[in-house]
Amino acid sequence: MVAAFEVAVTSGDLTGLIHVLDPDVVLVSDGGGVVTAARRPIEGADRVARFLLGVMAKGQSQVRIDHVAVNGAPGFALYQEDELVTVVSVTVARGKVIRLDLVLAPAKLPRPRC
């Protein structure tokens, strides 16, 4: 399911993305007041899908995506020019993505190890 989610988001496939999202999916983003993020949770498959594809369309083509574990759950680390800019935690239940948590706040992202 997480792989299908990634393919739909990166290819801009609205129908495919809606298909992997639970009808009641919730997306929460945390910009820490420093970077732009959704101020309120985004609810519903159509709204979440359109939000994600809109974000990807805004110059996000140069983003590198790595698969990571986020607190034991599947997730993604997004990099721009080798700088970590977002960590996404994906919660799956009943064969659908039911929740997405995005951390964009620079102070809350892991620091590179020296």
C-alpha atoms as a PDB file:
ATOM      1  CA  MET A   1       0.000   0.000   0.000  1.00  0.00           C
ATOM      2  CA  VAL A   2       2.809   2.426   0.855  1.00  0.00           C
ATOM      3  CA  ALA A   3       4.524   1.715  -2.478  1.00  0.00           C
ATOM      4  CA  ALA A   4       1.253   2.337  -4.367  1.00  0.00           C
ATOM      5  CA  PHE A   5       0.850   5.587  -2.415  1.00  0.00           C
ATOM      6  CA  GLU A   6       4.357   6.713  -3.409  1.00  0.00           C
ATOM      7  CA  VAL A   7       3.815   5.880  -7.080  1.00  0.00           C
ATOM      8  CA  ALA A   8       0.505   7.762  -7.180  1.00  0.00           C
ATOM      9  CA  VAL A   9       1.948  10.862  -5.498  1.00  0.00           C
ATOM     10  CA  THR A  10       5.135  11.027  -7.560  1.00  0.00           C
ATOM     11  CA  SER A  11       3.354  10.365 -10.856  1.00  0.00           C
ATOM     12  CA  GLY A  12       0.552  12.843 -10.192  1.00  0.00           C
ATOM     13  CA  ASP A  13      -2.127  10.132 -10.442  1.00  0.00           C
ATOM     14  CA  LEU A  14      -5.152  11.641  -8.669  1.00  0.00           C
ATOM     15  CA  THR A  15      -7.405   8.622  -9.242  1.00  0.00           C
ATOM     16  CA  GLY A  16      -4.725   6.185  -8.108  1.00  0.00           C
ATOM     17  CA  LEU A  17      -3.990   8.264  -5.027  1.00  0.00           C
ATOM     18  CA  ILE A  18      -7.644   8.486  -4.021  1.00  0.00           C
ATOM     19  CA  HIS A  19      -7.845   4.709  -4.446  1.00  0.00           C
ATOM     20  CA  VAL A  20      -5.115   4.041  -1.829  1.00  0.00           C
ATOM     21  CA  LEU A  21      -6.472   6.590   0.653  1.00  0.00           C
ATOM     22  CA  ASP A  22      -9.202   5.737   3.131  1.00  0.00           C
ATOM     23  CA  PRO A  23     -12.299   7.906   2.546  1.00  0.00           C
ATOM     24  CA  ASP A  24     -11.762   9.379   6.028  1.00  0.00           C
ATOM     25  CA  VAL A  25      -7.971   9.837   5.778  1.00  0.00           C
ATOM     26  CA  VAL A  26      -6.456  12.684   7.803  1.00  0.00           C
ATOM     27  CA  LEU A  27      -3.295  14.629   6.934  1.00  0.00           C
ATOM     28  CA  VAL A  28      -1.587  16.689   9.635  1.00  0.00           C
ATOM     29  CA  SER A  29       1.444  18.848   8.914  1.00  0.00           C
ATOM     30  CA  ASP A  30       3.805  20.597  11.307  1.00  0.00           C
ATOM     31  CA  GLY A  31       5.825  23.532  10.048  1.00  0.00           C
ATOM     32  CA  GLY A  32       6.699  24.710  13.546  1.00  0.00           C
ATOM     33  CA  GLY A  33       5.710  28.258  12.597  1.00  0.00           C
ATOM     34  CA  VAL A  34       8.881  28.451  10.507  1.00  0.00           C
ATOM     35  CA  VAL A  35       7.936  26.891   7.171  1.00  0.00           C
ATOM     36  CA  THR A  36       4.635  26.762   5.318  1.00  0.00           C
ATOM     37  CA  ALA A  37       2.342  23.923   6.378  1.00  0.00           C
ATOM     38  CA  ALA A  38      -1.398  23.301   6.485  1.00  0.00           C
ATOM     39  CA  ARG A  39      -2.737  25.096   9.546  1.00  0.00           C
ATOM     40  CA  ARG A  40      -5.511  22.597  10.158  1.00  0.00           C
ATOM     41  CA  PRO A  41      -5.837  18.873   9.531  1.00  0.00           C
ATOM     42  CA  ILE A  42      -6.947  18.015   6.008  1.00  0.00           C
ATOM     43  CA  GLU A  43      -9.645  15.366   5.951  1.00  0.00           C
ATOM     44  CA  GLY A  44     -11.056  13.126   3.235  1.00  0.00           C
ATOM     45  CA  ALA A  45      -9.448  11.243   0.362  1.00  0.00           C
ATOM     46  CA  ASP A  46     -10.217  13.821  -2.328  1.00  0.00           C
ATOM     47  CA  ARG A  47      -8.983  16.815  -0.292  1.00  0.00           C
ATOM     48  CA  VAL A  48      -5.828  15.032   0.912  1.00  0.00           C
ATOM     49  CA  ALA A  49      -5.015  13.762  -2.594  1.00  0.00           C
ATOM     50  CA  ARG A  50      -5.449  17.198  -4.158  1.00  0.00           C
ATOM     51  CA  PHE A  51      -3.364  18.804  -1.399  1.00  0.00           C
ATOM     52  CA  LEU A  52      -0.502  16.340  -1.875  1.00  0.00           C
ATOM     53  CA  LEU A  53      -0.508  16.635  -5.650  1.00  0.00           C
ATOM     54  CA  GLY A  54      -0.659  20.425  -5.380  1.00  0.00           C
ATOM     55  CA  VAL A  55       2.399  20.440  -3.129  1.00  0.00           C
ATOM     56  CA  MET A  56       4.271  18.149  -5.509  1.00  0.00           C
ATOM     57  CA  ALA A  57       3.379  20.387  -8.463  1.00  0.00           C
ATOM     58  CA  LYS A  58       4.886  23.464  -6.779  1.00  0.00           C
ATOM     59  CA  GLY A  59       8.477  22.924  -7.784  1.00  0.00           C
ATOM     60  CA  GLN A  60       8.889  19.680  -5.906  1.00  0.00           C
ATOM     61  CA  SER A  61      10.209  17.839  -8.962  1.00  0.00           C
ATOM     62  CA  GLN A  62      13.743  17.926  -7.604  1.00  0.00           C
ATOM     63  CA  VAL A  63      12.796  16.076  -4.434  1.00  0.00           C
ATOM     64  CA  ARG A  64      14.560  12.831  -3.566  1.00  0.00           C
ATOM     65  CA  ILE A  65      12.437  10.371  -1.600  1.00  0.00           C
ATOM     66  CA  ASP A  66      13.908   7.723   0.686  1.00  0.00           C
ATOM     67  CA  HIS A  67      11.932   5.000   2.462  1.00  0.00           C
ATOM     68  CA  VAL A  68      12.385   5.225   6.235  1.00  0.00           C
ATOM     69  CA  ALA A  69      10.788   3.944   9.413  1.00  0.00           C
ATOM     70  CA  VAL A  70       9.145   6.695  11.444  1.00  0.00           C
ATOM     71  CA  ASN A  71       8.540   5.603  15.030  1.00  0.00           C
ATOM     72  CA  GLY A  72       8.224   2.043  13.772  1.00  0.00           C
ATOM     73  CA  ALA A  73       5.753   2.948  11.004  1.00  0.00           C
ATOM     74  CA  PRO A  74       6.447   3.157   7.274  1.00  0.00           C
ATOM     75  CA  GLY A  75       7.407   6.555   6.025  1.00  0.00           C
ATOM     76  CA  PHE A  76       9.411   8.751   3.727  1.00  0.00           C
ATOM     77  CA  ALA A  77      12.214  11.247   4.064  1.00  0.00           C
ATOM     78  CA  LEU A  78      12.112  13.998   1.428  1.00  0.00           C
ATOM     79  CA  TYR A  79      15.302  15.793   0.446  1.00  0.00           C
ATOM     80  CA  GLN A  80      15.885  18.878  -1.674  1.00  0.00           C
ATOM     81  CA  GLU A  81      19.482  19.333  -2.770  1.00  0.00           C
ATOM     82  CA  ASP A  82      20.543  16.732  -0.173  1.00  0.00           C
ATOM     83  CA  GLU A  83      18.862  18.658   2.663  1.00  0.00           C
ATOM     84  CA  LEU A  84      16.143  16.869   4.638  1.00  0.00           C
ATOM     85  CA  VAL A  85      12.998  18.992   4.289  1.00  0.00           C
ATOM     86  CA  THR A  86      10.138  16.697   5.295  1.00  0.00           C
ATOM     87  CA  VAL A  87       9.515  13.443   7.115  1.00  0.00           C
ATOM     88  CA  VAL A  88       6.229  11.679   6.375  1.00  0.00           C
ATOM     89  CA  SER A  89       4.732   8.982   8.581  1.00  0.00           C
ATOM     90  CA  VAL A  90       2.139   6.779   6.868  1.00  0.00           C
ATOM     91  CA  THR A  91      -0.470   4.909   8.899  1.00  0.00           C
ATOM     92  CA  VAL A  92      -2.183   2.043   7.085  1.00  0.00           C
ATOM     93  CA  ALA A  93      -5.228   0.090   8.273  1.00  0.00           C
ATOM     94  CA  ARG A  94      -7.789  -2.028   6.493  1.00  0.00           C
ATOM     95  CA  GLY A  95      -5.657  -1.911   3.338  1.00  0.00           C
ATOM     96  CA  LYS A  96      -5.807   1.889   3.008  1.00  0.00           C
ATOM     97  CA  VAL A  97      -3.774   4.890   4.133  1.00  0.00           C
ATOM     98  CA  ILE A  98      -5.739   6.322   7.070  1.00  0.00           C
ATOM     99  CA  ARG A  99      -3.353   9.015   8.326  1.00  0.00           C
ATOM    100  CA  LEU A 100      -0.386  11.032   7.107  1.00  0.00           C
ATOM    101  CA  ASP A 101       1.791  13.032   9.477  1.00  0.00           C
ATOM    102  CA  LEU A 102       4.196  15.483   7.855  1.00  0.00           C
ATOM    103  CA  VAL A 103       6.989  17.142   9.814  1.00  0.00           C
ATOM    104  CA  LEU A 104       8.462  20.125   7.997  1.00  0.00           C
ATOM    105  CA  ALA A 105       9.720  22.179  10.951  1.00  0.00           C
ATOM    106  CA  PRO A 106      13.519  22.343  10.581  1.00  0.00           C
ATOM    107  CA  ALA A 107      14.080  22.154  14.348  1.00  0.00           C
ATOM    108  CA  LYS A 108      12.070  18.929  14.535  1.00  0.00           C
ATOM    109  CA  LEU A 109      13.854  17.132  11.710  1.00  0.00           C
ATOM    110  CA  PRO A 110      16.782  14.812  12.434  1.00  0.00           C
ATOM    111  CA  ARG A 111      20.175  16.448  12.084  1.00  0.00           C
ATOM    112  CA  PRO A 112      22.848  14.841   9.901  1.00  0.00           C
ATOM    113  CA  ARG A 113      25.365  12.816  11.827  1.00  0.00           C
ATOM    114  CA  CYS A 114      28.981  13.942  11.649  1.00  0.00           C
END
